[in-house]
């Protein structure tokens, strides 16, 4: 998964947050932008699984950014929708594997497959990407 969009969104939010924080009133907007930008940068260095687990955080910060830093918000939403598609395909691949293993186990229990055939097929299913 390409995390460049998330990193760019985070950098834009941090830079604009620092600029906003130059005034006392701007601190109200600047500090959340810096915090959210740092969160995006941290997530851009994470694994794909970690990003899929934190996709709600990405959505929330993207919505916040839409109100205070539109460019970061739009980029964050683009990334969020791209990981939503990725996590769906990731989960469906795993459920397919489990379904195949379940069917294979039933065939083995019904004595349709020998132990060697069962182990060979199980290994093939688990190693399939």
Protein backbone atom coordinates (compact mmCIF):
# COMPACT_ATOMS: atom_id res chain seq x y z
CA UNK A 1 0.00 0.00 0.00
CA UNK A 2 1.37 3.40 -0.96
CA UNK A 3 1.43 5.73 2.05
CA UNK A 4 2.76 8.81 0.22
CA UNK A 5 -0.61 10.60 0.26
CA UNK A 6 -0.90 10.14 4.02
CA UNK A 7 2.63 11.47 4.56
CA UNK A 8 2.02 14.52 2.33
CA UNK A 9 -1.24 15.23 4.15
CA UNK A 10 0.57 15.08 7.48
CA UNK A 11 3.38 17.37 6.34
CA UNK A 12 0.95 19.95 4.96
CA UNK A 13 -1.01 19.92 8.23
CA UNK A 14 2.16 20.32 10.32
CA UNK A 15 3.48 23.20 8.21
CA UNK A 16 0.16 25.05 8.23
CA UNK A 17 -0.22 24.32 11.95
CA UNK A 18 3.15 25.89 12.66
CA UNK A 19 2.25 28.93 10.56
CA UNK A 20 -1.08 29.30 12.38
CA UNK A 21 0.65 28.94 15.75
CA UNK A 22 2.68 32.12 15.18
CA UNK A 23 -0.19 34.10 16.67
CA UNK A 24 -1.84 33.47 20.02
CA UNK A 25 -5.31 33.10 18.50
CA UNK A 26 -3.92 30.85 15.78
CA UNK A 27 -2.75 28.39 18.46
CA UNK A 28 -6.36 27.23 18.81
CA UNK A 29 -6.27 25.93 15.25
CA UNK A 30 -2.54 25.32 14.87
CA UNK A 31 -2.00 22.88 17.72
CA UNK A 32 -4.67 20.37 16.57
CA UNK A 33 -3.27 20.60 13.04
CA UNK A 34 0.22 19.76 14.31
CA UNK A 35 -1.08 16.87 16.44
CA UNK A 36 -3.09 15.42 13.55
CA UNK A 37 -0.20 15.90 11.14
CA UNK A 38 2.14 14.06 13.49
CA UNK A 39 -0.40 11.24 13.78
CA UNK A 40 -0.57 10.96 9.98
CA UNK A 41 3.23 10.92 9.73
CA UNK A 42 3.45 8.20 12.40
CA UNK A 43 0.84 6.11 10.59
CA UNK A 44 2.63 6.54 7.26
CA UNK A 45 5.56 4.65 8.79
CA UNK A 46 3.35 1.82 10.08
CA UNK A 47 2.61 -1.56 8.55
CA UNK A 48 -0.43 -2.12 6.34
CA UNK A 49 -2.19 -4.07 9.09
CA UNK A 50 -1.62 -1.26 11.59
CA UNK A 51 -3.05 1.27 9.14
CA UNK A 52 -6.13 -0.93 8.58
CA UNK A 53 -6.63 -1.07 12.36
CA UNK A 54 -6.38 2.73 12.62
CA UNK A 55 -8.50 3.64 9.61
CA UNK A 56 -11.14 5.23 11.87
CA UNK A 57 -8.48 7.57 13.26
CA UNK A 58 -7.53 8.55 9.71
CA UNK A 59 -11.18 9.28 8.90
CA UNK A 60 -11.71 11.41 12.02
CA UNK A 61 -8.56 13.48 11.48
CA UNK A 62 -9.40 13.87 7.79
CA UNK A 63 -12.82 15.28 8.68
CA UNK A 64 -11.25 17.65 11.23
CA UNK A 65 -8.75 18.77 8.59
CA UNK A 66 -11.59 19.48 6.14
CA UNK A 67 -12.68 22.30 8.45
CA UNK A 68 -9.27 23.78 9.23
CA UNK A 69 -6.90 22.64 6.47
CA UNK A 70 -8.83 21.55 3.40
CA UNK A 71 -5.88 20.15 1.42
CA UNK A 72 -4.88 17.77 4.21
CA UNK A 73 -8.50 16.76 4.70
CA UNK A 74 -9.02 15.93 1.05
CA UNK A 75 -5.76 13.96 0.85
CA UNK A 76 -6.64 12.13 4.06
CA UNK A 77 -10.05 11.15 2.69
CA UNK A 78 -8.50 9.94 -0.56
CA UNK A 79 -6.14 7.74 1.45
CA UNK A 80 -8.97 6.55 3.72
CA UNK A 81 -11.06 5.37 0.77
CA UNK A 82 -8.07 3.64 -0.81
CA UNK A 83 -7.40 1.69 2.43
CA UNK A 84 -11.07 0.83 2.75
CA UNK A 85 -10.82 -1.00 -0.56
CA UNK A 86 -7.52 -2.58 0.49
CA UNK A 87 -8.80 -3.79 3.88
CA UNK A 88 -11.89 -5.29 2.22
CA UNK A 89 -9.78 -7.32 -0.19
CA UNK A 90 -7.37 -8.21 2.63
CA UNK A 91 -10.20 -9.54 4.81
CA UNK A 92 -11.90 -11.39 1.97
CA UNK A 93 -8.64 -13.17 1.09
CA UNK A 94 -8.30 -14.39 4.67
CA UNK A 95 -11.91 -15.57 4.85
CA UNK A 96 -11.44 -17.43 1.56
CA UNK A 97 -8.46 -19.23 3.06
CA UNK A 98 -10.46 -20.17 6.14
CA UNK A 99 -13.32 -21.45 4.01
CA UNK A 100 -10.94 -23.59 1.98
CA UNK A 101 -9.30 -24.95 5.13
CA UNK A 102 -12.69 -25.76 6.60
CA UNK A 103 -13.72 -27.69 3.48
CA UNK A 104 -10.37 -29.47 3.44
CA UNK A 105 -10.73 -30.46 7.07
CA UNK A 106 -14.19 -31.87 6.41
CA UNK A 107 -12.84 -33.94 3.50
CA UNK A 108 -10.10 -35.29 5.75
CA UNK A 109 -12.55 -36.14 8.54
CA UNK A 110 -14.80 -37.90 6.03
CA UNK A 111 -11.73 -39.95 4.98
CA UNK A 112 -11.83 -38.67 1.41
CA UNK A 113 -8.23 -37.45 1.70
CA UNK A 114 -5.21 -39.20 3.13
CA UNK A 115 -3.07 -37.53 5.79
CA UNK A 116 -0.38 -36.71 3.19
CA UNK A 117 -2.89 -35.19 0.76
CA UNK A 118 -4.46 -33.20 3.58
CA UNK A 119 -1.10 -31.79 4.75
CA UNK A 120 -0.01 -30.99 1.20
CA UNK A 121 -3.25 -29.12 0.39
CA UNK A 122 -3.24 -27.34 3.75
CA UNK A 123 0.30 -26.13 3.12
CA UNK A 124 -0.66 -24.92 -0.36
CA UNK A 125 -3.65 -22.96 0.97
CA UNK A 126 -1.70 -21.34 3.79
CA UNK A 127 1.17 -20.33 1.51
CA UNK A 128 -1.12 -18.91 -1.18
CA UNK A 129 -1.08 -15.10 -1.38
